[in-house]
Amino acid sequence: MKDIPFFTTDQGVASLMLGEIPYRQEAYIQIQDVQPGQLETLVQECVGFCRAAGAERVYWSAEGAEGALHASVFEMRAVAWVDKAMLESLFPVTEPTVARWRQIYNERMRNVDNAATMTAFDEKKIVESGGAYFVHHEGELLGIGWLEDTKLLAMAAVQKGAGLRVMHTLMSLVEGADMTLEVASTNDRAVALYETLGFVKTKELRKWYLGFEKKQ
């Protein structure tokens, strides 16, 4: 399902992110511009469109808005450092292995806020980036990661307690550099892991408010 970059009404303009409807039944609304006093009306019009498209949960974001907060998305930063006792083996993602990498990512991120589902159309980008990896310990998969320069785009451990080893191994690729990542406030385990490694929240990038949730 395609996103709608510019959804225009008499009340204003919004971007509708519908790509997660087939996978999580979720849609996201980013308010771009709104007429004075018309925010609530614009949000509800956008929510109605998203519901008609199949969304069972709809979240929205607008600068300076207030509402039922679902999650904040933070930027975190740290100087990448490496505990050599935790270094494991890195295997770059290739065309024969990218489908498996994507499957693992989607499985681990299925219930994580701010983590978009990856489709087969993303596989070419993943491989060509040259920054996606499997992390192994003596032939056993510990997790996966994806770096773009010094920005961590994705990280997931597949073994309990392997997060530190996966992160130190990924950080070895950019040791000494200023490393950044994005994380949702609701992802408590990831936030705790990153803080253990010295990452600090430096910026609140956006707030997602609950616009609609289908009652079970």
C-alpha atoms as a PDB file:
ATOM      1  CA  MET A   1       0.000   0.000   0.000  1.00  0.00           C
ATOM      2  CA  LYS A   2       1.438   3.355  -1.066  1.00  0.00           C
ATOM      3  CA  ASP A   3       1.956   6.316   1.221  1.00  0.00           C
ATOM      4  CA  ILE A   4       0.259   9.628   0.424  1.00  0.00           C
ATOM      5  CA  PRO A   5       2.885  12.385   0.799  1.00  0.00           C
ATOM      6  CA  PHE A   6       0.347  15.214   0.459  1.00  0.00           C
ATOM      7  CA  PHE A   7      -3.187  14.592   1.695  1.00  0.00           C
ATOM      8  CA  THR A   8      -4.923  17.940   1.238  1.00  0.00           C
ATOM      9  CA  THR A   9      -8.187  19.066   2.835  1.00  0.00           C
ATOM     10  CA  ASP A  10      -9.839  22.392   3.601  1.00  0.00           C
ATOM     11  CA  GLN A  11      -8.279  22.171   7.068  1.00  0.00           C
ATOM     12  CA  GLY A  12      -4.676  21.650   6.002  1.00  0.00           C
ATOM     13  CA  VAL A  13      -2.130  19.208   4.608  1.00  0.00           C
ATOM     14  CA  ALA A  14      -0.813  15.932   6.023  1.00  0.00           C
ATOM     15  CA  SER A  15       1.358  13.011   4.977  1.00  0.00           C
ATOM     16  CA  LEU A  16      -0.308   9.622   5.373  1.00  0.00           C
ATOM     17  CA  MET A  17       2.020   6.663   5.935  1.00  0.00           C
ATOM     18  CA  LEU A  18      -0.009   3.610   4.988  1.00  0.00           C
ATOM     19  CA  GLY A  19       2.762   1.091   4.308  1.00  0.00           C
ATOM     20  CA  GLU A  20       2.295  -0.732   7.613  1.00  0.00           C
ATOM     21  CA  ILE A  21      -1.421  -1.435   7.120  1.00  0.00           C
ATOM     22  CA  PRO A  22      -0.888  -4.802   5.364  1.00  0.00           C
ATOM     23  CA  TYR A  23       1.604  -5.950   8.030  1.00  0.00           C
ATOM     24  CA  ARG A  24       0.626  -4.357  11.352  1.00  0.00           C
ATOM     25  CA  GLN A  25      -2.732  -2.794  10.499  1.00  0.00           C
ATOM     26  CA  GLU A  26      -1.190   0.543  11.544  1.00  0.00           C
ATOM     27  CA  ALA A  27      -1.138   3.931   9.846  1.00  0.00           C
ATOM     28  CA  TYR A  28       0.724   7.134  10.694  1.00  0.00           C
ATOM     29  CA  ILE A  29      -0.240  10.743  10.048  1.00  0.00           C
ATOM     30  CA  GLN A  30       2.319  13.563   9.914  1.00  0.00           C
ATOM     31  CA  ILE A  31       0.587  16.941   9.963  1.00  0.00           C
ATOM     32  CA  GLN A  32       2.398  19.329   7.611  1.00  0.00           C
ATOM     33  CA  ASP A  33       0.225  22.452   7.737  1.00  0.00           C
ATOM     34  CA  VAL A  34      -3.073  23.249   9.407  1.00  0.00           C
ATOM     35  CA  GLN A  35      -5.517  26.134   9.464  1.00  0.00           C
ATOM     36  CA  PRO A  36      -5.895  27.895  12.835  1.00  0.00           C
ATOM     37  CA  GLY A  37      -8.169  25.955  15.168  1.00  0.00           C
ATOM     38  CA  GLN A  38      -8.590  23.085  12.706  1.00  0.00           C
ATOM     39  CA  LEU A  39      -6.047  20.536  13.984  1.00  0.00           C
ATOM     40  CA  GLU A  40      -8.575  18.192  15.576  1.00  0.00           C
ATOM     41  CA  THR A  41     -10.800  18.268  12.503  1.00  0.00           C
ATOM     42  CA  LEU A  42      -7.849  17.610  10.172  1.00  0.00           C
ATOM     43  CA  VAL A  43      -6.606  14.730  12.321  1.00  0.00           C
ATOM     44  CA  GLN A  44     -10.047  13.109  12.402  1.00  0.00           C
ATOM     45  CA  GLU A  45     -10.439  13.451   8.625  1.00  0.00           C
ATOM     46  CA  CYS A  46      -7.051  11.794   8.126  1.00  0.00           C
ATOM     47  CA  VAL A  47      -7.903   9.095  10.671  1.00  0.00           C
ATOM     48  CA  GLY A  48     -11.124   8.351   8.813  1.00  0.00           C
ATOM     49  CA  PHE A  49      -9.225   7.890   5.549  1.00  0.00           C
ATOM     50  CA  CYS A  50      -6.690   5.577   7.236  1.00  0.00           C
ATOM     51  CA  ARG A  51      -9.457   3.497   8.804  1.00  0.00           C
ATOM     52  CA  ALA A  52     -11.159   3.165   5.429  1.00  0.00           C
ATOM     53  CA  ALA A  53      -7.828   1.907   4.052  1.00  0.00           C
ATOM     54  CA  GLY A  54      -7.809  -0.881   6.676  1.00  0.00           C
ATOM     55  CA  ALA A  55      -5.894   0.568   9.621  1.00  0.00           C
ATOM     56  CA  GLU A  56      -6.908  -0.742  13.051  1.00  0.00           C
ATOM     57  CA  ARG A  57      -4.555   1.655  14.845  1.00  0.00           C
ATOM     58  CA  VAL A  58      -3.761   5.178  13.735  1.00  0.00           C
ATOM     59  CA  TYR A  59      -1.092   7.478  15.171  1.00  0.00           C
ATOM     60  CA  TRP A  60      -0.501  11.124  14.376  1.00  0.00           C
ATOM     61  CA  SER A  61       2.191  13.729  14.908  1.00  0.00           C
ATOM     62  CA  ALA A  62       2.184  17.511  14.700  1.00  0.00           C
ATOM     63  CA  GLU A  63       4.625  20.108  15.928  1.00  0.00           C
ATOM     64  CA  GLY A  64       3.559  21.594  19.260  1.00  0.00           C
ATOM     65  CA  ALA A  65       0.523  19.299  19.542  1.00  0.00           C
ATOM     66  CA  GLU A  66      -0.925  17.645  22.619  1.00  0.00           C
ATOM     67  CA  GLY A  67      -2.911  14.448  22.943  1.00  0.00           C
ATOM     68  CA  ALA A  68      -2.856  10.855  24.152  1.00  0.00           C
ATOM     69  CA  LEU A  69       0.873  10.249  23.759  1.00  0.00           C
ATOM     70  CA  HIS A  70       1.747   6.850  22.354  1.00  0.00           C
ATOM     71  CA  ALA A  71       5.514   7.156  21.965  1.00  0.00           C
ATOM     72  CA  SER A  72       8.318   9.654  21.501  1.00  0.00           C
ATOM     73  CA  VAL A  73      11.164   8.983  19.089  1.00  0.00           C
ATOM     74  CA  PHE A  74      14.572  10.064  20.352  1.00  0.00           C
ATOM     75  CA  GLU A  75      17.952  10.522  18.742  1.00  0.00           C
ATOM     76  CA  MET A  76      20.737   9.007  20.863  1.00  0.00           C
ATOM     77  CA  ARG A  77      24.467   9.626  20.503  1.00  0.00           C
ATOM     78  CA  ALA A  78      27.701   8.149  21.812  1.00  0.00           C
ATOM     79  CA  VAL A  79      31.335   7.778  20.840  1.00  0.00           C
ATOM     80  CA  ALA A  80      31.617   4.206  19.582  1.00  0.00           C
ATOM     81  CA  TRP A  81      33.856   2.098  21.800  1.00  0.00           C
ATOM     82  CA  VAL A  82      34.686  -1.584  21.777  1.00  0.00           C
ATOM     83  CA  ASP A  83      35.070  -4.198  24.487  1.00  0.00           C
ATOM     84  CA  LYS A  84      37.349  -6.582  22.630  1.00  0.00           C
ATOM     85  CA  ALA A  85      36.245  -9.462  24.866  1.00  0.00           C
ATOM     86  CA  MET A  86      32.809  -9.126  23.285  1.00  0.00           C
ATOM     87  CA  LEU A  87      33.879  -9.003  19.644  1.00  0.00           C
ATOM     88  CA  GLU A  88      32.251 -11.599  17.412  1.00  0.00           C
ATOM     89  CA  SER A  89      32.352 -12.427  13.708  1.00  0.00           C
ATOM     90  CA  LEU A  90      30.757 -10.173  11.103  1.00  0.00           C
ATOM     91  CA  PHE A  91      29.335 -11.472   7.834  1.00  0.00           C
ATOM     92  CA  PRO A  92      28.139  -8.912   5.266  1.00  0.00           C
ATOM     93  CA  VAL A  93      24.679  -9.411   3.805  1.00  0.00           C
ATOM     94  CA  THR A  94      24.769 -10.563   0.184  1.00  0.00           C
ATOM     95  CA  GLU A  95      22.151 -11.266  -2.465  1.00  0.00           C
ATOM     96  CA  PRO A  96      21.814 -14.947  -1.428  1.00  0.00           C
ATOM     97  CA  THR A  97      21.401 -14.026   2.263  1.00  0.00           C
ATOM     98  CA  VAL A  98      19.432 -10.772   2.204  1.00  0.00           C
ATOM     99  CA  ALA A  99      16.021 -12.452   2.298  1.00  0.00           C
ATOM    100  CA  ARG A 100      17.012 -14.239   5.508  1.00  0.00           C
ATOM    101  CA  TRP A 101      18.337 -10.981   7.004  1.00  0.00           C
ATOM    102  CA  ARG A 102      15.077  -9.221   6.166  1.00  0.00           C
ATOM    103  CA  GLN A 103      13.035 -12.075   7.646  1.00  0.00           C
ATOM    104  CA  ILE A 104      14.966 -11.876  10.925  1.00  0.00           C
ATOM    105  CA  TYR A 105      14.594  -8.109  11.049  1.00  0.00           C
ATOM    106  CA  ASN A 106      10.827  -8.265  10.536  1.00  0.00           C
ATOM    107  CA  GLU A 107      10.400 -11.036  13.109  1.00  0.00           C
ATOM    108  CA  ARG A 108      12.356  -9.172  15.781  1.00  0.00           C
ATOM    109  CA  MET A 109      10.858  -5.766  15.028  1.00  0.00           C
ATOM    110  CA  ARG A 110       7.240  -6.790  14.542  1.00  0.00           C
ATOM    111  CA  ASN A 111       6.072  -5.220  17.806  1.00  0.00           C
ATOM    112  CA  VAL A 112       8.642  -2.417  18.044  1.00  0.00           C
ATOM    113  CA  ASP A 113       7.378   1.131  17.563  1.00  0.00           C
ATOM    114  CA  ASN A 114       9.091   3.227  14.871  1.00  0.00           C
ATOM    115  CA  ALA A 115      10.398   0.119  13.071  1.00  0.00           C
ATOM    116  CA  ALA A 116       9.013  -0.116   9.551  1.00  0.00           C
ATOM    117  CA  THR A 117       8.409  -3.527   8.016  1.00  0.00           C
ATOM    118  CA  MET A 118      10.874  -4.301   5.236  1.00  0.00           C
ATOM    119  CA  THR A 119       9.626  -5.813   2.002  1.00  0.00           C
ATOM    120  CA  ALA A 120      11.280  -7.626  -0.886  1.00  0.00           C
ATOM    121  CA  PHE A 121      11.581  -4.249  -2.610  1.00  0.00           C
ATOM    122  CA  ASP A 122      14.000  -3.161   0.162  1.00  0.00           C
ATOM    123  CA  GLU A 123      16.426  -6.027  -0.431  1.00  0.00           C
ATOM    124  CA  LYS A 124      18.364  -4.335  -3.221  1.00  0.00           C
ATOM    125  CA  LYS A 125      18.903  -1.249  -1.059  1.00  0.00           C
ATOM    126  CA  ILE A 126      20.043  -3.396   1.885  1.00  0.00           C
ATOM    127  CA  VAL A 127      22.637  -5.249  -0.187  1.00  0.00           C
ATOM    128  CA  GLU A 128      23.888  -2.217  -2.094  1.00  0.00           C
ATOM    129  CA  SER A 129      24.339  -0.209   1.110  1.00  0.00           C
ATOM    130  CA  GLY A 130      27.200  -2.490   2.134  1.00  0.00           C
ATOM    131  CA  GLY A 131      26.376  -1.816   5.773  1.00  0.00           C
ATOM    132  CA  ALA A 132      24.127  -4.740   6.705  1.00  0.00           C
ATOM    133  CA  TYR A 133      25.578  -7.672   8.650  1.00  0.00           C
ATOM    134  CA  PHE A 134      24.982 -10.938  10.435  1.00  0.00           C
ATOM    135  CA  VAL A 135      26.798 -11.297  13.772  1.00  0.00           C
ATOM    136  CA  HIS A 136      27.944 -14.836  14.637  1.00  0.00           C
ATOM    137  CA  HIS A 137      29.677 -16.588  17.525  1.00  0.00           C
ATOM    138  CA  GLU A 138      31.437 -19.769  16.417  1.00  0.00           C
ATOM    139  CA  GLY A 139      28.887 -20.349  13.679  1.00  0.00           C
ATOM    140  CA  GLU A 140      25.849 -19.499  15.816  1.00  0.00           C
ATOM    141  CA  LEU A 141      23.797 -16.461  14.827  1.00  0.00           C
ATOM    142  CA  LEU A 142      23.670 -13.837  17.580  1.00  0.00           C
ATOM    143  CA  GLY A 143      21.966 -10.999  15.745  1.00  0.00           C
ATOM    144  CA  ILE A 144      21.907  -8.596  12.842  1.00  0.00           C
ATOM    145  CA  GLY A 145      22.745  -4.951  12.259  1.00  0.00           C
ATOM    146  CA  TRP A 146      22.738  -2.226   9.653  1.00  0.00           C
ATOM    147  CA  LEU A 147      24.960   0.857   9.616  1.00  0.00           C
ATOM    148  CA  GLU A 148      24.898   3.848   7.291  1.00  0.00           C
ATOM    149  CA  ASP A 149      28.226   5.577   7.870  1.00  0.00           C
ATOM    150  CA  THR A 150      28.073   6.163  11.649  1.00  0.00           C
ATOM    151  CA  LYS A 151      24.284   5.926  12.004  1.00  0.00           C
ATOM    152  CA  LEU A 152      22.815   2.693  13.293  1.00  0.00           C
ATOM    153  CA  LEU A 153      19.759   1.976  11.151  1.00  0.00           C
ATOM    154  CA  ALA A 154      18.876  -1.389  12.679  1.00  0.00           C
ATOM    155  CA  MET A 155      20.030  -3.815  15.345  1.00  0.00           C
ATOM    156  CA  ALA A 156      18.396  -6.975  16.642  1.00  0.00           C
ATOM    157  CA  ALA A 157      19.688  -9.794  18.830  1.00  0.00           C
ATOM    158  CA  VAL A 158      18.284 -13.271  18.244  1.00  0.00           C
ATOM    159  CA  GLN A 159      19.876 -14.872  21.310  1.00  0.00           C
ATOM    160  CA  LYS A 160      18.910 -13.870  24.849  1.00  0.00           C
ATOM    161  CA  GLY A 161      21.505 -11.533  26.345  1.00  0.00           C
ATOM    162  CA  ALA A 162      23.405 -11.149  23.059  1.00  0.00           C
ATOM    163  CA  GLY A 163      22.609  -7.461  22.574  1.00  0.00           C
ATOM    164  CA  LEU A 164      25.886  -6.193  24.050  1.00  0.00           C
ATOM    165  CA  ARG A 165      27.966  -8.536  21.906  1.00  0.00           C
ATOM    166  CA  VAL A 166      26.076  -7.581  18.782  1.00  0.00           C
ATOM    167  CA  MET A 167      26.446  -3.866  19.529  1.00  0.00           C
ATOM    168  CA  HIS A 168      30.169  -4.009  20.376  1.00  0.00           C
ATOM    169  CA  THR A 169      30.795  -5.945  17.177  1.00  0.00           C
ATOM    170  CA  LEU A 170      28.895  -3.392  15.112  1.00  0.00           C
ATOM    171  CA  MET A 171      30.593  -0.486  16.891  1.00  0.00           C
ATOM    172  CA  SER A 172      33.976  -1.950  15.996  1.00  0.00           C
ATOM    173  CA  LEU A 173      33.246  -0.831  12.432  1.00  0.00           C
ATOM    174  CA  VAL A 174      33.171   2.833  13.502  1.00  0.00           C
ATOM    175  CA  GLU A 175      35.251   2.773  16.688  1.00  0.00           C
ATOM    176  CA  GLY A 176      36.025   6.256  17.954  1.00  0.00           C
ATOM    177  CA  ALA A 177      33.398   7.939  15.785  1.00  0.00           C
ATOM    178  CA  ASP A 178      30.334   9.865  16.929  1.00  0.00           C
ATOM    179  CA  MET A 179      27.596   7.270  16.488  1.00  0.00           C
ATOM    180  CA  THR A 180      23.866   8.017  16.278  1.00  0.00           C
ATOM    181  CA  LEU A 181      20.646   6.024  16.335  1.00  0.00           C
ATOM    182  CA  GLU A 182      16.895   6.477  16.738  1.00  0.00           C
ATOM    183  CA  VAL A 183      14.801   4.680  19.318  1.00  0.00           C
ATOM    184  CA  ALA A 184      11.191   4.791  20.484  1.00  0.00           C
ATOM    185  CA  SER A 185      10.540   5.608  24.133  1.00  0.00           C
ATOM    186  CA  THR A 186       8.381   2.469  24.394  1.00  0.00           C
ATOM    187  CA  ASN A 187      11.312   0.217  23.460  1.00  0.00           C
ATOM    188  CA  ASP A 188      12.529  -0.048  27.054  1.00  0.00           C
ATOM    189  CA  ARG A 189      14.999  -2.889  26.514  1.00  0.00           C
ATOM    190  CA  ALA A 190      16.724  -1.138  23.616  1.00  0.00           C
ATOM    191  CA  VAL A 191      16.935   2.166  25.496  1.00  0.00           C
ATOM    192  CA  ALA A 192      18.489   0.395  28.503  1.00  0.00           C
ATOM    193  CA  LEU A 193      21.008  -1.388  26.270  1.00  0.00           C
ATOM    194  CA  TYR A 194      22.061   1.797  24.508  1.00  0.00           C
ATOM    195  CA  GLU A 195      22.393   3.683  27.794  1.00  0.00           C
ATOM    196  CA  THR A 196      24.644   0.897  29.115  1.00  0.00           C
ATOM    197  CA  LEU A 197      26.895   1.568  26.131  1.00  0.00           C
ATOM    198  CA  GLY A 198      27.030   5.288  26.906  1.00  0.00           C
ATOM    199  CA  PHE A 199      24.392   6.552  24.497  1.00  0.00           C
ATOM    200  CA  VAL A 200      22.441   9.588  25.673  1.00  0.00           C
ATOM    201  CA  LYS A 201      19.256  11.141  24.348  1.00  0.00           C
ATOM    202  CA  THR A 202      20.190  14.300  22.483  1.00  0.00           C
ATOM    203  CA  LYS A 203      16.993  15.206  20.651  1.00  0.00           C
ATOM    204  CA  GLU A 204      13.303  14.374  20.611  1.00  0.00           C
ATOM    205  CA  LEU A 205      12.609  13.861  16.917  1.00  0.00           C
ATOM    206  CA  ARG A 206       8.844  13.438  17.055  1.00  0.00           C
ATOM    207  CA  LYS A 207       5.881  12.500  19.216  1.00  0.00           C
ATOM    208  CA  TRP A 208       3.255  10.025  18.077  1.00  0.00           C
ATOM    209  CA  TYR A 209      -0.241  10.446  19.505  1.00  0.00           C
ATOM    210  CA  LEU A 210      -2.972   7.836  19.422  1.00  0.00           C
ATOM    211  CA  GLY A 211      -5.667   8.834  16.963  1.00  0.00           C
ATOM    212  CA  PHE A 212      -7.656   5.608  16.820  1.00  0.00           C
ATOM    213  CA  GLU A 213      -7.434   2.028  18.073  1.00  0.00           C
ATOM    214  CA  LYS A 214      -9.941  -0.652  17.217  1.00  0.00           C
ATOM    215  CA  LYS A 215     -11.459  -2.235  20.297  1.00  0.00           C
ATOM    216  CA  GLN A 216     -10.821  -5.946  20.621  1.00  0.00           C
END
